[in-house]
Protein backbone atom coordinates (compact mmCIF):
# COMPACT_ATOMS: atom_id res chain seq x y z
CA MET A 1 0.04 -0.25 -0.02
CA LYS A 2 3.06 2.57 0.81
CA GLN A 3 5.09 1.28 -2.62
CA LEU A 4 1.51 2.44 -4.30
CA PHE A 5 0.87 5.57 -2.33
CA SER A 6 4.25 6.79 -3.07
CA LEU A 7 4.02 6.00 -6.82
CA ALA A 8 1.03 8.26 -6.92
CA THR A 9 2.66 11.25 -5.09
CA SER A 10 5.47 10.72 -7.56
CA LEU A 11 3.49 10.58 -10.88
CA LEU A 12 1.60 13.42 -9.15
CA LEU A 13 4.52 15.99 -8.73
CA VAL A 14 5.81 15.02 -11.97
CA VAL A 15 2.23 16.06 -13.76
CA LEU A 16 2.72 19.44 -11.58
CA HIS A 17 6.08 19.94 -12.31
CA ALA A 18 5.03 18.79 -16.16
CA GLN A 19 1.82 21.33 -16.01
CA SER A 20 4.93 24.53 -14.49
CA LEU A 21 7.05 24.55 -17.67
CA LYS A 22 6.95 27.37 -19.88
CA ASP A 23 6.48 27.24 -23.62
CA PHE A 24 9.34 27.35 -25.68
CA LYS A 25 9.92 30.06 -28.66
CA VAL A 26 12.75 30.18 -30.31
CA PRO A 27 14.58 33.45 -29.13
CA LYS A 28 14.64 36.59 -31.83
CA GLY A 29 18.03 36.54 -33.37
CA TYR A 30 19.19 33.08 -32.19
CA GLN A 31 20.65 30.39 -34.65
CA LYS A 32 20.06 26.40 -34.05
CA ILE A 33 23.84 24.82 -34.33
CA SER A 34 23.09 21.03 -33.31
CA GLN A 35 20.18 19.19 -31.86
CA ALA A 36 19.40 15.50 -30.74
CA LYS A 37 16.62 14.02 -29.36
CA GLY A 38 15.93 11.19 -27.04
CA ASP A 39 14.55 9.55 -23.12
CA LEU A 40 16.46 11.64 -20.71
CA ASP A 41 14.12 10.54 -17.89
CA LYS A 42 13.56 7.47 -18.27
CA ASP A 43 9.13 8.17 -19.11
CA GLY A 44 9.57 6.46 -22.45
CA LYS A 45 9.56 9.76 -24.55
CA ASP A 46 12.10 11.63 -26.10
CA GLU A 47 13.46 15.31 -24.87
CA THR A 48 15.20 17.05 -28.00
CA VAL A 49 18.66 18.91 -26.75
CA ILE A 50 19.18 21.82 -28.93
CA ILE A 51 22.13 24.12 -28.80
CA PHE A 52 22.00 28.00 -30.09
CA ASN A 53 24.17 30.90 -30.90
CA THR A 54 22.68 33.59 -28.87
CA ASP A 55 21.57 37.28 -30.52
CA LYS A 56 24.75 38.91 -28.06
CA MET A 57 27.19 39.17 -30.58
CA VAL A 58 30.82 40.65 -29.18
CA LYS A 59 33.69 41.23 -31.11
CA LYS A 60 36.78 38.88 -30.51
CA ASN A 61 40.26 39.77 -31.94
CA ASP A 62 38.03 41.25 -34.92
CA ARG A 63 36.09 38.20 -35.30
CA GLU A 64 32.36 37.85 -34.28
CA ASP A 65 31.73 36.02 -31.49
CA PHE A 66 28.43 34.72 -29.77
CA PRO A 67 27.89 33.63 -26.75
CA ARG A 68 26.05 30.01 -26.77
CA THR A 69 22.53 28.56 -24.68
CA LEU A 70 21.67 25.01 -24.42
CA TYR A 71 17.71 24.21 -24.12
CA ILE A 72 15.90 20.47 -22.98
CA LEU A 73 12.21 20.61 -23.77
CA LYS A 74 9.95 18.71 -23.33
CA THR A 75 7.19 17.67 -25.24
CA ILE A 76 3.65 17.95 -23.56
CA ASP A 77 0.71 17.61 -25.34
CA GLY A 78 2.26 18.00 -28.52
CA THR A 79 3.86 21.76 -27.63
CA LEU A 80 7.50 22.01 -26.47
CA LYS A 81 8.29 23.41 -23.01
CA ILE A 82 11.65 24.68 -21.43
CA TRP A 83 12.24 21.71 -18.94
CA LYS A 84 16.29 23.06 -18.93
CA GLU A 85 17.97 26.41 -20.13
CA ASN A 86 22.09 26.38 -19.48
CA ASN A 87 25.04 28.17 -20.61
CA THR A 88 27.63 27.78 -18.07
CA PHE A 89 29.90 25.32 -19.59
CA LEU A 90 29.01 25.61 -23.59
CA PHE A 91 32.18 27.75 -24.98
CA SER A 92 31.34 30.37 -27.32
CA SER A 93 31.41 30.69 -31.24
CA GLY A 94 34.75 32.28 -31.21
CA MET A 95 36.65 30.16 -29.06
CA GLY A 96 40.27 28.86 -29.98
CA PHE A 97 42.70 29.74 -33.17
CA TYR A 98 40.59 28.87 -35.82
CA PRO A 99 37.05 29.53 -34.62
CA GLU A 100 35.41 29.48 -38.08
CA ASP A 101 37.01 26.09 -38.46
CA ASN A 102 35.30 24.58 -35.21
CA ALA A 103 32.80 22.20 -35.51
CA PRO A 104 29.46 22.66 -33.64
CA PRO A 105 29.38 21.39 -30.67
CA GLU A 106 27.92 17.24 -30.64
CA ILE A 107 24.96 16.40 -28.87
CA SER A 108 24.43 12.62 -27.83
CA ILE A 109 22.11 11.03 -26.18
CA LYS A 110 22.44 7.45 -24.58
CA ASN A 111 21.55 5.35 -21.83
CA ASN A 112 19.51 8.07 -20.50
CA SER A 113 22.33 10.34 -20.22
CA LEU A 114 23.66 13.72 -22.27
CA SER A 115 26.65 14.47 -23.55
CA ILE A 116 28.17 17.71 -25.43
CA THR A 117 31.32 17.32 -27.16
CA GLN A 118 33.04 20.78 -28.02
CA ILE A 119 36.33 20.43 -30.18
CA PHE A 120 38.64 23.47 -31.23
CA ASN A 121 42.24 24.26 -31.72
CA THR A 122 44.17 26.41 -29.24
CA ASN A 123 47.20 26.87 -32.06
CA SER A 124 47.78 25.66 -35.79
CA ARG A 125 49.16 23.04 -33.92
CA HIS A 126 47.22 21.95 -30.97
CA THR A 127 43.30 20.21 -30.16
CA GLN A 128 41.20 20.66 -27.87
CA THR A 129 38.76 17.76 -27.05
CA TYR A 130 36.21 17.86 -24.28
CA LYS A 131 32.88 15.64 -23.69
CA HIS A 132 31.12 16.11 -20.68
CA THR A 133 28.23 13.74 -19.92
CA PHE A 134 25.10 14.66 -17.32
CA ARG A 135 22.07 12.27 -16.37
CA PHE A 136 18.90 13.61 -14.90
CA GLN A 137 18.63 12.04 -11.37
CA ASN A 138 17.67 13.48 -7.64
CA GLY A 139 15.10 16.16 -10.06
CA ASP A 140 18.18 17.74 -11.93
CA PHE A 141 21.00 17.01 -14.33
CA TYR A 142 24.16 16.24 -12.82
CA LEU A 143 27.42 16.04 -14.19
CA ILE A 144 28.35 12.28 -14.14
CA GLY A 145 31.82 12.20 -16.83
CA SER A 146 34.46 14.11 -17.74
CA TYR A 147 36.69 13.44 -20.99
CA ASP A 148 39.54 16.02 -21.83
CA ARG A 149 42.14 15.59 -24.38
CA PHE A 150 44.95 17.91 -25.84
CA GLU A 151 46.68 16.31 -28.50
CA ASP A 152 49.84 17.61 -30.41
CA THR A 153 50.53 16.70 -34.07
CA CYS A 154 53.55 14.70 -32.95
CA ASP A 155 54.59 16.01 -29.86
CA PHE A 156 52.08 14.70 -27.61
CA ASP A 157 48.82 13.62 -26.33
CA TYR A 158 47.07 14.19 -23.05
CA LEU A 159 44.16 12.02 -21.97
CA ASN A 160 42.00 13.02 -18.51
CA GLU A 161 39.06 10.76 -18.35
CA ILE A 162 36.87 10.90 -14.95
CA ASN A 163 33.58 8.83 -14.10
CA PHE A 164 32.25 10.62 -11.01
CA SER A 165 29.56 7.98 -10.38
CA THR A 166 32.17 5.41 -9.64
CA GLY A 167 35.17 7.98 -8.67
CA LYS A 168 37.63 5.92 -11.36
CA VAL A 169 40.13 8.46 -13.14
CA ILE A 170 42.50 7.88 -15.95
CA VAL A 171 45.35 9.91 -16.98
CA ASP A 172 47.59 9.13 -20.10
CA GLU A 173 50.08 11.20 -21.26
CA GLU A 174 52.12 10.24 -24.43
CA HIS A 175 55.16 11.89 -25.80
CA ALA A 176 57.02 11.99 -28.48
CA SER A 177 58.74 14.49 -31.00
CA CYS A 178 58.12 16.60 -33.89
CA ASP A 179 61.87 17.11 -34.85
CA GLU A 180 64.76 15.01 -35.37
CA ASP A 181 67.02 16.41 -32.91
CA GLU A 182 68.59 14.64 -30.30
CA ARG A 183 66.16 16.62 -27.14
CA VAL A 184 64.96 14.77 -24.16
CA ILE A 185 61.61 13.01 -24.52
CA PRO A 186 59.71 12.56 -21.02
CA GLU A 187 58.48 9.91 -19.82
CA ASP A 188 54.78 8.67 -20.74
CA ILE A 189 52.54 8.47 -18.14
CA HIS A 190 49.50 5.95 -17.17
CA LYS A 191 47.81 6.29 -13.93
CA GLU A 192 44.42 4.47 -13.12
CA PHE A 193 42.94 5.20 -9.70
CA THR A 194 39.64 6.20 -7.48
CA HIS A 195 39.05 9.71 -6.52
CA PRO A 196 36.47 10.10 -3.60
CA PHE A 197 34.61 13.04 -4.88
CA LYS A 198 32.06 14.35 -1.64
CA ALA A 199 29.31 15.23 -4.30
CA LEU A 200 27.85 15.26 -7.98
CA ILE A 201 27.93 18.59 -9.32
CA LYS A 202 24.32 20.14 -11.00
CA MET A 203 25.02 21.08 -14.87
CA ASN A 204 24.22 24.33 -13.57
CA ASN A 205 26.89 25.27 -11.41
CA PHE A 206 29.45 23.61 -13.61
CA ARG A 207 31.73 25.21 -15.40
CA ILE A 208 34.58 23.93 -17.37
CA GLY A 209 38.19 24.37 -15.47
CA GLU A 210 37.10 25.85 -12.39
CA ASN A 211 37.42 22.17 -10.17
CA LYS A 212 40.76 20.62 -9.54
CA PHE A 213 42.00 17.40 -7.67
CA LYS A 214 45.87 16.22 -7.53
CA ILE A 215 47.23 12.96 -9.11
CA PRO A 216 48.70 10.83 -6.93
CA GLY A 217 52.11 10.33 -7.27
CA LEU A 218 52.88 13.23 -9.32
CA LYS A 219 52.90 17.08 -8.69
CA LYS A 220 50.17 17.15 -10.59
CA ASP A 221 46.50 18.55 -11.17
CA ILE A 222 43.22 17.99 -13.10
CA PHE A 223 41.40 20.50 -14.14
CA TYR A 224 37.80 19.67 -15.11
């Protein structure tokens, strides 16, 4: 009986929350750059995730630079409703050395989780890739995974990968040389360990690079 009451209460809260969601209309001047659909709350219905370039253009190194925003939308009675809006972890359109060549952020939805991949060049040889995965639980979206890869065309390839749910961390650093000189090449590093994260970070509280912890046995920090 208690289980039936609890289920009925949960369903009632979901219905009331859905009724409070605002209708979605594309803001004037916004440009859609990515979109995907998938079930994020295990209700058997697909949500719609869209990333836009906003209309708040600024000049950056004589280039146009547009901040970006993400919407997670529910379809209720045939109408798109705003379930989540976020602009804390998306880089603007002018990010990187060749922003005009950047691919738009990639959205993927798998196993009821949302992943956003952002790739850009930091100079003519260096490529930065970020992939962050969020899951809806306890009434909000939380960061559960981080993939950070920084690579040179031939000198190095650095990878930090974190599973915040299990605490598993992978650090992998490979070194080589673009030149044929006899300079000393640093030793490669590969470490796998578990880090005790105190709590998961909510999507709207997450900003790339503002969190860190030490790598055991090394005089280095992981930033995420």
